[in-house]
N, C-alpha and C. Protein backbone atom coordinates (compact mmCIF):
# COMPACT_ATOMS: atom_id res chain seq x y z
N UNK A 1 -5.34 0.99 19.28
CA UNK A 1 -4.70 1.19 21.12
C UNK A 1 -3.72 1.15 20.50
N UNK A 2 -2.88 2.42 21.65
CA UNK A 2 -1.88 2.67 21.82
C UNK A 2 -1.09 1.83 22.56
N UNK A 3 0.53 1.22 22.14
CA UNK A 3 1.04 0.45 22.69
C UNK A 3 1.90 1.34 24.00
N UNK A 4 2.42 0.16 25.00
CA UNK A 4 2.93 1.13 25.89
C UNK A 4 4.22 2.05 25.48
N UNK A 5 4.64 1.32 24.56
CA UNK A 5 6.20 2.34 24.39
C UNK A 5 4.92 3.75 23.69
N UNK A 6 4.95 3.48 23.27
CA UNK A 6 3.87 5.06 22.51
C UNK A 6 3.43 5.80 23.52
N UNK A 7 2.80 4.86 24.81
CA UNK A 7 2.39 5.84 26.12
C UNK A 7 3.71 6.40 26.50
N UNK A 8 5.00 5.83 26.69
CA UNK A 8 5.80 5.74 27.27
C UNK A 8 6.54 6.95 26.66
N UNK A 9 6.47 6.97 25.37
CA UNK A 9 6.95 8.26 24.39
C UNK A 9 6.60 9.66 24.81
N UNK A 10 5.59 9.20 24.68
CA UNK A 10 4.52 11.24 25.10
C UNK A 10 4.49 11.53 26.60
N UNK A 11 4.44 10.31 27.33
CA UNK A 11 4.52 10.92 28.94
C UNK A 11 6.38 11.30 29.02
N UNK A 12 6.97 11.00 28.34
CA UNK A 12 8.77 11.44 28.42
C UNK A 12 8.74 12.87 27.98
N UNK A 13 7.84 12.75 26.82
CA UNK A 13 8.04 14.13 26.14
C UNK A 13 7.63 14.94 26.69
N UNK A 14 6.17 14.95 27.18
CA UNK A 14 5.82 15.39 27.61
C UNK A 14 6.75 16.47 29.77
N UNK A 15 6.91 15.43 29.94
CA UNK A 15 8.36 15.96 31.44
C UNK A 15 9.24 17.41 30.79
N UNK A 16 9.57 16.55 29.30
CA UNK A 16 10.65 17.19 29.06
C UNK A 16 10.48 18.53 28.82
N UNK A 17 8.84 18.73 28.84
CA UNK A 17 8.57 20.15 28.06
C UNK A 17 7.80 20.87 29.07
N UNK A 18 8.21 20.42 30.57
CA UNK A 18 7.51 20.53 31.73
C UNK A 18 6.33 20.38 31.82
N UNK A 19 5.42 19.66 31.11
CA UNK A 19 4.58 19.38 31.37
C UNK A 19 3.58 17.96 32.26
N UNK A 20 2.29 17.64 33.12
CA UNK A 20 2.19 17.32 33.84
C UNK A 20 1.74 16.08 32.86
N UNK A 21 1.92 14.70 33.20
CA UNK A 21 1.59 13.90 32.16
C UNK A 21 0.40 12.86 32.91
N UNK A 22 -0.85 13.75 33.18
CA UNK A 22 -1.97 13.08 33.57
C UNK A 22 -2.65 12.36 32.39
N UNK A 23 -3.15 11.10 32.41
CA UNK A 23 -4.21 10.21 31.95
C UNK A 23 -5.11 11.08 30.30
N UNK A 24 -5.81 12.09 31.04
CA UNK A 24 -6.21 13.20 29.75
C UNK A 24 -5.37 13.79 28.94
N UNK A 25 -4.43 14.53 29.47
CA UNK A 25 -3.34 15.18 28.19
C UNK A 25 -2.56 14.04 27.49
N UNK A 26 -2.46 12.36 28.22
CA UNK A 26 -1.65 11.64 27.42
C UNK A 26 -2.72 11.14 26.41
N UNK A 27 -3.98 10.99 26.79
CA UNK A 27 -4.86 10.73 25.30
C UNK A 27 -5.20 11.58 24.67
N UNK A 28 -4.90 12.96 24.84
CA UNK A 28 -4.73 13.95 23.90
C UNK A 28 -4.09 14.15 22.78
N UNK A 29 -2.68 13.76 23.37
CA UNK A 29 -1.47 13.77 22.35
C UNK A 29 -0.83 12.49 21.58
N UNK A 30 -2.15 11.33 22.60
CA UNK A 30 -1.86 10.33 21.24
C UNK A 30 -2.64 10.55 20.28
N UNK A 31 -3.64 11.26 19.71
CA UNK A 31 -4.03 11.82 19.36
C UNK A 31 -5.16 10.28 18.02
N UNK A 32 -5.55 9.07 18.88
CA UNK A 32 -6.34 8.73 18.33
C UNK A 32 -7.12 7.83 19.58
N UNK A 33 -7.76 6.95 18.91
CA UNK A 33 -8.76 6.74 20.44
C UNK A 33 -7.97 5.28 20.98
N UNK A 34 -8.55 5.14 21.88
CA UNK A 34 -7.62 4.27 23.39
C UNK A 34 -8.80 3.78 23.96
N UNK A 35 -8.25 3.13 24.95
CA UNK A 35 -9.04 2.67 25.83
C UNK A 35 -8.58 3.35 27.39
N UNK A 36 -9.99 4.00 27.69
CA UNK A 36 -8.96 4.50 29.37
C UNK A 36 -8.13 3.51 29.84
N UNK A 37 -9.09 3.04 29.84
CA UNK A 37 -7.76 1.15 30.63
C UNK A 37 -6.81 0.70 29.88
N UNK A 38 -6.55 0.90 28.78
CA UNK A 38 -5.36 0.54 28.70
C UNK A 38 -4.51 1.18 28.82
N UNK A 39 -4.82 2.83 28.52
CA UNK A 39 -3.53 3.88 28.47
C UNK A 39 -3.56 4.13 29.83
N UNK A 40 -4.67 4.17 31.06
CA UNK A 40 -3.86 4.31 32.09
C UNK A 40 -3.37 3.02 33.00
N UNK A 41 -3.53 1.90 32.23
CA UNK A 41 -2.46 1.09 32.43
C UNK A 41 -0.84 1.10 31.66
N UNK A 42 -0.45 1.43 30.98
CA UNK A 42 0.56 2.11 30.52
C UNK A 42 1.27 3.04 31.33
N UNK A 43 0.49 4.18 31.44
CA UNK A 43 1.23 5.46 32.38
C UNK A 43 1.03 4.78 33.64
N UNK A 44 0.24 4.03 34.15
CA UNK A 44 1.03 3.91 35.69
C UNK A 44 1.88 2.57 35.78
N UNK A 45 2.14 2.01 34.59
CA UNK A 45 3.66 1.39 34.55
C UNK A 45 5.20 2.32 33.95
N UNK A 46 4.47 3.31 33.98
CA UNK A 46 5.72 4.59 33.13
C UNK A 46 6.01 5.08 34.34
N UNK A 47 4.63 5.80 35.61
CA UNK A 47 5.32 6.20 36.49
C UNK A 47 6.04 4.95 37.49
N UNK A 48 5.61 4.00 37.70
CA UNK A 48 6.42 2.85 38.41
C UNK A 48 7.45 2.96 38.01
N UNK A 49 7.98 2.56 36.70
CA UNK A 49 9.50 2.64 35.81
C UNK A 49 9.91 4.13 35.88
N UNK A 50 9.37 5.20 36.24
CA UNK A 50 10.38 6.68 36.17
C UNK A 50 10.20 6.65 37.75
N UNK A 51 9.84 5.90 38.34
CA UNK A 51 9.73 6.81 39.82
C UNK A 51 8.86 8.21 40.07
N UNK A 52 7.63 8.59 39.22
CA UNK A 52 6.79 9.60 39.04
C UNK A 52 6.04 9.70 40.17
N UNK A 53 5.66 10.84 40.49
CA UNK A 53 4.35 10.67 41.66
C UNK A 53 4.03 11.69 41.64
N UNK A 54 2.69 12.59 41.90
CA UNK A 54 2.33 13.62 42.39
C UNK A 54 3.52 14.77 43.00
N UNK A 55 4.05 15.63 42.15
CA UNK A 55 4.96 16.47 42.70
C UNK A 55 6.03 15.90 42.42
N UNK A 56 6.13 14.74 42.59
CA UNK A 56 7.57 14.45 42.14
C UNK A 56 8.03 14.39 40.77
N UNK A 57 9.09 14.40 39.86
CA UNK A 57 10.21 14.55 39.03
C UNK A 57 10.49 12.75 38.76
N UNK A 58 10.68 12.78 37.33
CA UNK A 58 11.22 11.38 36.97
C UNK A 58 12.39 10.93 37.36
N UNK A 59 13.00 10.04 37.87
CA UNK A 59 13.79 10.14 37.80
C UNK A 59 15.11 9.41 36.83
N UNK A 60 13.72 8.79 35.94
CA UNK A 60 14.98 8.41 34.94
C UNK A 60 14.33 8.61 33.00
N UNK A 61 14.63 10.12 32.62
CA UNK A 61 14.20 10.10 31.77
C UNK A 61 14.83 10.01 30.58
N UNK A 62 14.62 9.20 28.99
CA UNK A 62 16.12 9.35 28.63
C UNK A 62 16.08 10.90 27.71
N UNK A 63 17.41 10.12 27.07
CA UNK A 63 17.72 12.12 27.25
C UNK A 63 17.36 12.07 25.34
N UNK A 64 16.86 11.05 24.77
CA UNK A 64 16.79 11.34 23.35
C UNK A 64 15.23 11.60 22.72
N UNK A 65 14.30 12.05 24.01
CA UNK A 65 12.80 12.13 24.00
C UNK A 65 12.75 12.73 22.95
N UNK A 66 12.74 14.05 22.26
CA UNK A 66 12.56 14.73 21.06
C UNK A 66 12.58 13.50 20.12
N UNK A 67 13.67 13.13 19.78
CA UNK A 67 13.71 12.39 19.03
C UNK A 67 12.88 10.77 18.90
N UNK A 68 12.51 10.86 19.99
CA UNK A 68 11.62 9.52 20.27
C UNK A 68 9.93 10.24 20.08
N UNK A 69 9.89 11.66 20.49
CA UNK A 69 8.38 11.77 19.71
C UNK A 69 8.17 11.77 18.78
N UNK A 70 8.78 12.64 17.65
CA UNK A 70 9.03 13.19 16.75
C UNK A 70 8.55 11.45 15.83
N UNK A 71 9.38 10.51 15.92
CA UNK A 71 9.36 9.17 15.69
C UNK A 71 7.59 8.78 15.77
N UNK A 72 7.58 8.71 16.81
CA UNK A 72 6.01 8.32 17.22
C UNK A 72 5.28 8.89 16.41
N UNK A 73 5.01 10.84 16.39
CA UNK A 73 4.74 11.16 15.41
C UNK A 73 4.40 10.78 14.34
N UNK A 74 5.09 10.61 13.47
CA UNK A 74 5.15 10.26 12.16
C UNK A 74 4.87 8.43 12.18
N UNK A 75 4.71 7.93 13.35
CA UNK A 75 4.12 6.70 13.16
C UNK A 75 2.37 7.12 13.56
N UNK A 76 2.16 8.14 14.10
CA UNK A 76 0.61 8.23 14.15
C UNK A 76 0.03 8.66 12.55
N UNK A 77 1.06 9.68 12.45
CA UNK A 77 0.15 10.19 10.72
C UNK A 77 0.33 8.94 9.63
N UNK A 78 0.96 8.02 9.89
CA UNK A 78 1.35 7.09 8.77
C UNK A 78 -0.12 6.09 9.16
N UNK A 79 -0.53 5.46 10.32
CA UNK A 79 -1.47 5.12 10.84
C UNK A 79 -2.71 6.05 10.47
N UNK A 80 -3.18 6.97 10.57
CA UNK A 80 -3.59 7.53 10.32
C UNK A 80 -4.01 7.57 8.72
N UNK A 81 -3.77 7.88 8.14
CA UNK A 81 -2.82 8.37 7.08
C UNK A 81 -3.78 6.75 6.12
N UNK A 82 -2.90 5.88 6.53
CA UNK A 82 -3.74 4.13 6.27
C UNK A 82 -5.06 4.06 6.71
N UNK A 83 -4.80 4.55 7.61
CA UNK A 83 -6.87 4.10 8.61
C UNK A 83 -7.79 4.84 7.47
N UNK A 84 -7.20 5.65 6.82
CA UNK A 84 -8.36 7.12 6.23
C UNK A 84 -8.60 6.95 4.86
N UNK A 85 -7.17 5.15 4.38
CA UNK A 85 -7.70 5.22 2.65
C UNK A 85 -8.77 3.66 2.80
N UNK A 86 -9.23 3.61 1.75
CA UNK A 86 -10.25 2.13 1.85
C UNK A 86 -8.98 1.28 2.16
N UNK A 87 -9.32 -0.21 2.46
CA UNK A 87 -8.43 -1.32 2.08
C UNK A 87 -8.42 -1.73 0.49
N UNK A 88 -7.20 -2.46 0.48
CA UNK A 88 -7.04 -2.61 -1.25
C UNK A 88 -7.54 -3.85 -1.80
N UNK A 89 -8.59 -4.51 -0.89
CA UNK A 89 -9.35 -5.54 -1.24
C UNK A 89 -10.53 -5.12 -1.69
N UNK A 90 -10.88 -4.23 -1.19
CA UNK A 90 -12.84 -3.43 -1.26
C UNK A 90 -12.04 -2.28 -2.83
N UNK A 91 -10.94 -1.43 -2.74
CA UNK A 91 -10.54 -0.81 -3.85
C UNK A 91 -11.02 -2.43 -5.32
N UNK A 92 -9.88 -2.97 -4.75
CA UNK A 92 -9.99 -4.03 -6.37
C UNK A 92 -11.69 -4.51 -6.45
N UNK A 93 -12.28 -4.92 -5.77
CA UNK A 93 -13.68 -5.34 -5.53
C UNK A 93 -15.01 -4.25 -6.29
N UNK A 94 -14.19 -3.04 -6.01
CA UNK A 94 -14.86 -1.88 -6.59
C UNK A 94 -14.63 -1.58 -7.84
N UNK A 95 -13.22 -1.90 -8.59
CA UNK A 95 -12.62 -1.68 -9.38
C UNK A 95 -13.04 -3.00 -10.80
N UNK A 96 -13.06 -4.37 -10.32
CA UNK A 96 -14.07 -5.19 -10.96
C UNK A 96 -15.31 -4.71 -11.21
N UNK A 97 -15.99 -4.42 -10.15
CA UNK A 97 -17.44 -4.10 -10.41
C UNK A 97 -17.53 -2.89 -11.02
N UNK A 98 -16.72 -2.10 -11.54
CA UNK A 98 -16.86 -0.88 -13.05
C UNK A 98 -16.73 -1.95 -13.70
N UNK A 99 -15.24 -2.81 -14.61
CA UNK A 99 -14.97 -3.41 -15.53
C UNK A 99 -16.11 -4.01 -15.61
N UNK A 100 -17.35 -4.64 -15.36
CA UNK A 100 -18.37 -5.72 -14.85
C UNK A 100 -19.63 -4.97 -15.47
N UNK A 101 -19.21 -3.67 -15.17
CA UNK A 101 -20.41 -2.91 -15.73
C UNK A 101 -20.30 -2.06 -17.08
N UNK A 102 -18.89 -2.34 -17.51
CA UNK A 102 -18.06 -1.44 -18.88
C UNK A 102 -18.75 -2.65 -19.79
N UNK A 103 -18.22 -3.58 -19.53
CA UNK A 103 -18.58 -4.90 -20.37
C UNK A 103 -19.69 -5.20 -20.93
N UNK A 104 -20.97 -4.93 -19.92
CA UNK A 104 -22.20 -4.68 -20.18
C UNK A 104 -22.34 -3.71 -21.22
N UNK A 105 -21.64 -2.47 -20.65
CA UNK A 105 -22.58 -1.56 -21.47
C UNK A 105 -21.88 -1.30 -23.31
N UNK A 106 -20.56 -1.94 -23.18
CA UNK A 106 -20.39 -1.48 -24.38
C UNK A 106 -20.96 -3.15 -25.47
N UNK A 107 -21.33 -2.61 -26.40
CA UNK A 107 -22.16 -3.46 -27.53
C UNK A 107 -21.59 -4.80 -27.85
N UNK A 108 -22.53 -6.19 -28.25
CA UNK A 108 -22.26 -7.08 -28.41
C UNK A 108 -20.96 -7.07 -29.61
N UNK A 109 -21.62 -6.34 -30.77
CA UNK A 109 -20.61 -5.95 -31.75
C UNK A 109 -20.45 -4.49 -31.97
N UNK A 110 -19.09 -4.34 -32.17
CA UNK A 110 -19.27 -2.61 -32.08
C UNK A 110 -18.09 -2.67 -31.30
N UNK A 111 -17.44 -1.42 -31.17
CA UNK A 111 -16.56 -0.45 -30.47
C UNK A 111 -17.45 1.04 -29.67
N UNK A 112 -17.19 0.87 -28.53
CA UNK A 112 -16.62 2.37 -27.93
C UNK A 112 -15.64 3.17 -27.41
N UNK A 113 -15.57 4.51 -27.38
CA UNK A 113 -14.40 4.50 -27.06
C UNK A 113 -14.17 4.88 -25.40
N UNK A 114 -13.80 5.58 -25.01
CA UNK A 114 -13.28 5.49 -23.28
C UNK A 114 -13.97 6.67 -22.91
N UNK A 115 -14.67 7.85 -23.45
CA UNK A 115 -15.23 9.32 -23.72
C UNK A 115 -16.67 8.64 -23.57
N UNK A 116 -17.49 7.44 -23.94
CA UNK A 116 -18.69 7.44 -24.13
C UNK A 116 -18.90 6.42 -23.43
N UNK A 117 -18.18 5.83 -23.23
CA UNK A 117 -18.01 4.65 -22.03
C UNK A 117 -18.63 4.80 -20.57
N UNK A 118 -17.97 6.14 -20.41
CA UNK A 118 -17.41 7.36 -19.38
C UNK A 118 -19.38 7.89 -19.15
N UNK A 119 -19.35 8.20 -20.52
CA UNK A 119 -20.81 8.38 -20.16
C UNK A 119 -22.04 7.62 -19.90
N UNK A 120 -21.69 6.44 -20.43
CA UNK A 120 -23.10 5.65 -20.17
C UNK A 120 -23.08 4.80 -18.64
N UNK A 121 -21.80 5.04 -17.94
CA UNK A 121 -21.84 4.65 -16.44
C UNK A 121 -23.03 5.11 -15.93
N UNK A 122 -22.96 4.47 -14.82
CA UNK A 122 -24.29 4.88 -13.82
C UNK A 122 -23.69 5.91 -12.88
N UNK A 123 -24.26 6.97 -12.67
CA UNK A 123 -24.16 7.73 -11.70
C UNK A 123 -23.13 7.48 -10.20
N UNK A 124 -24.08 6.06 -9.59
CA UNK A 124 -23.67 5.39 -8.41
C UNK A 124 -22.43 5.23 -8.59
N UNK A 125 -21.93 4.78 -9.95
CA UNK A 125 -20.36 4.17 -10.05
C UNK A 125 -19.68 5.36 -9.60
N UNK A 126 -20.21 6.72 -11.03
CA UNK A 126 -19.23 7.83 -11.04
C UNK A 126 -18.99 8.28 -9.37
N UNK A 127 -19.40 8.25 -8.49
CA UNK A 127 -19.78 8.64 -7.31
C UNK A 127 -18.85 7.87 -6.19
N UNK A 128 -18.88 6.86 -6.18
CA UNK A 128 -17.97 5.72 -5.90
C UNK A 128 -16.83 5.43 -5.90
N UNK A 129 -16.20 6.50 -7.33
CA UNK A 129 -14.87 6.14 -7.86
C UNK A 129 -14.06 7.59 -6.51
N UNK A 130 -14.93 7.83 -6.44
CA UNK A 130 -14.20 9.65 -5.51
C UNK A 130 -14.19 8.47 -4.32
N UNK A 131 -14.76 7.98 -3.61
CA UNK A 131 -14.10 7.17 -1.86
C UNK A 131 -12.85 6.89 -2.34
N UNK A 132 -12.42 6.30 -3.45
CA UNK A 132 -11.82 5.58 -3.54
C UNK A 132 -10.10 6.33 -3.69
N UNK A 133 -10.70 7.27 -4.28
CA UNK A 133 -9.73 8.61 -4.71
C UNK A 133 -9.03 8.97 -5.74
N UNK A 134 -9.28 7.76 -6.75
CA UNK A 134 -9.81 8.10 -8.26
C UNK A 134 -10.80 8.58 -9.23
N UNK A 135 -10.92 9.48 -9.42
CA UNK A 135 -12.14 9.77 -10.45
C UNK A 135 -12.32 9.36 -11.39
N UNK A 136 -13.28 9.09 -11.94
CA UNK A 136 -13.33 8.64 -13.32
C UNK A 136 -13.32 9.21 -14.42
N UNK A 137 -12.68 9.76 -15.28
CA UNK A 137 -12.08 10.22 -16.27
C UNK A 137 -11.70 9.42 -17.51
N UNK A 138 -11.85 9.96 -19.02
CA UNK A 138 -10.92 8.87 -19.77
C UNK A 138 -9.91 7.88 -19.40
N UNK A 139 -8.38 9.27 -19.24
CA UNK A 139 -7.05 8.82 -18.77
C UNK A 139 -7.78 7.71 -18.12
N UNK A 140 -7.89 7.68 -16.45
CA UNK A 140 -7.93 6.17 -15.43
C UNK A 140 -8.74 5.55 -16.39
N UNK A 141 -10.11 5.95 -16.76
CA UNK A 141 -10.70 4.16 -17.52
C UNK A 141 -10.09 3.58 -17.91
N UNK A 142 -9.17 3.95 -19.36
CA UNK A 142 -8.71 3.57 -20.19
C UNK A 142 -7.50 2.74 -19.40
N UNK A 143 -7.02 3.27 -18.13
CA UNK A 143 -5.26 2.78 -17.75
C UNK A 143 -6.22 1.44 -16.89
N UNK A 144 -7.46 1.55 -16.57
CA UNK A 144 -7.60 0.29 -15.92
C UNK A 144 -8.15 -0.78 -16.67
N UNK A 145 -8.63 -0.47 -18.06
CA UNK A 145 -9.43 -1.29 -19.25
C UNK A 145 -7.68 -1.72 -20.00
N UNK A 146 -6.92 -0.34 -19.83
CA UNK A 146 -5.82 -1.32 -20.72
C UNK A 146 -4.68 -2.62 -19.45
N UNK A 147 -5.12 -2.46 -18.28
CA UNK A 147 -4.65 -3.65 -17.50
C UNK A 147 -5.31 -5.07 -17.53
N UNK A 148 -7.69 -5.22 -17.71
CA UNK A 148 -7.57 -5.84 -18.31
C UNK A 148 -7.09 -6.61 -19.53
N UNK A 149 -6.78 -5.86 -20.33
CA UNK A 149 -6.02 -6.44 -21.72
C UNK A 149 -4.53 -6.65 -21.78
N UNK A 150 -3.97 -6.16 -21.19
CA UNK A 150 -2.32 -6.63 -20.64
C UNK A 150 -2.72 -8.44 -20.05
N UNK A 151 -3.76 -8.63 -19.71
CA UNK A 151 -3.81 -10.13 -18.81
C UNK A 151 -4.78 -10.98 -19.72
N UNK A 152 -5.46 -10.15 -20.81
CA UNK A 152 -6.14 -10.57 -21.55
C UNK A 152 -7.84 -11.19 -21.28
N UNK A 153 -8.61 -10.22 -20.71
CA UNK A 153 -9.54 -10.09 -20.17
C UNK A 153 -10.43 -8.74 -20.65
N UNK A 154 -11.56 -9.78 -20.39
CA UNK A 154 -12.63 -8.82 -20.70
C UNK A 154 -12.98 -7.63 -22.15
N UNK A 155 -11.49 -6.84 -22.80
CA UNK A 155 -11.83 -6.18 -23.63
C UNK A 155 -10.88 -6.15 -24.59
N UNK A 156 -11.51 -6.07 -25.53
CA UNK A 156 -9.96 -5.66 -26.88
C UNK A 156 -10.09 -4.25 -27.65
N UNK A 157 -8.69 -3.64 -26.79
CA UNK A 157 -8.41 -2.60 -28.16
C UNK A 157 -8.55 -2.45 -29.55
N UNK A 158 -9.45 -1.79 -30.22
CA UNK A 158 -9.13 -1.51 -31.98
C UNK A 158 -7.82 -1.08 -32.31
N UNK A 159 -7.79 -0.64 -33.53
CA UNK A 159 -7.17 0.68 -33.78
C UNK A 159 -7.71 2.10 -34.12
N UNK A 160 -9.11 1.65 -33.61
CA UNK A 160 -9.45 3.80 -33.98
C UNK A 160 -9.98 4.02 -32.58
N UNK A 161 -8.98 3.11 -31.73
CA UNK A 161 -8.68 4.01 -30.14
C UNK A 161 -10.11 3.35 -29.59
N UNK A 162 -11.08 2.64 -30.07
CA UNK A 162 -12.24 2.24 -29.48
C UNK A 162 -12.07 0.70 -28.39
N UNK A 163 -13.25 0.64 -27.56
CA UNK A 163 -13.14 -0.70 -27.17
C UNK A 163 -13.82 -2.10 -27.34
N UNK A 164 -13.70 -3.44 -27.04
CA UNK A 164 -14.81 -3.99 -27.75
C UNK A 164 -14.60 -5.28 -26.73
N UNK A 165 -15.59 -5.58 -26.20
CA UNK A 165 -16.12 -6.80 -25.90
C UNK A 165 -14.93 -7.82 -25.92
N UNK A 166 -14.68 -8.76 -25.12
CA UNK A 166 -13.65 -10.21 -25.38
C UNK A 166 -14.66 -11.18 -25.35
N UNK A 167 -15.23 -11.80 -26.24
CA UNK A 167 -15.96 -12.79 -26.30
C UNK A 167 -15.25 -14.18 -25.93
N UNK A 168 -15.89 -15.08 -25.48
CA UNK A 168 -14.58 -16.10 -24.94
C UNK A 168 -14.54 -16.45 -23.68
């Protein structure tokens, strides 16, 4: 939901460019979903504060409109980037699931290399990694397993480059 400040920035910038800040135009510029009711409320407050009405120029447009619009664009871009990324807890849950699957793949006695483990992972697991922007490669698999080894969990790294279950 866009804030009142974001609506003010967009409307001020539109006026500075000689555009009419209609509700539809402001919503389009915000480039985010927003309630028409909420944006309309903010736009009415902007009109009242700026003395803007149909056919009237606003009486109090700040001089730093371009800077404010640029900052708003950066905030919208950051928000969009964050929203498009999976949240941290779901990413951690996914990798915990992968590590449990690897633990089950590893033989009770013996070792497997990261390449061999990767070949044994389920197709759903491999496809799921793409959703988390980190495709499963031997290098990424080793890195994720090394984190667990560093914390003394799940796996052992052996001198031959293989991995084994950590028992107990």
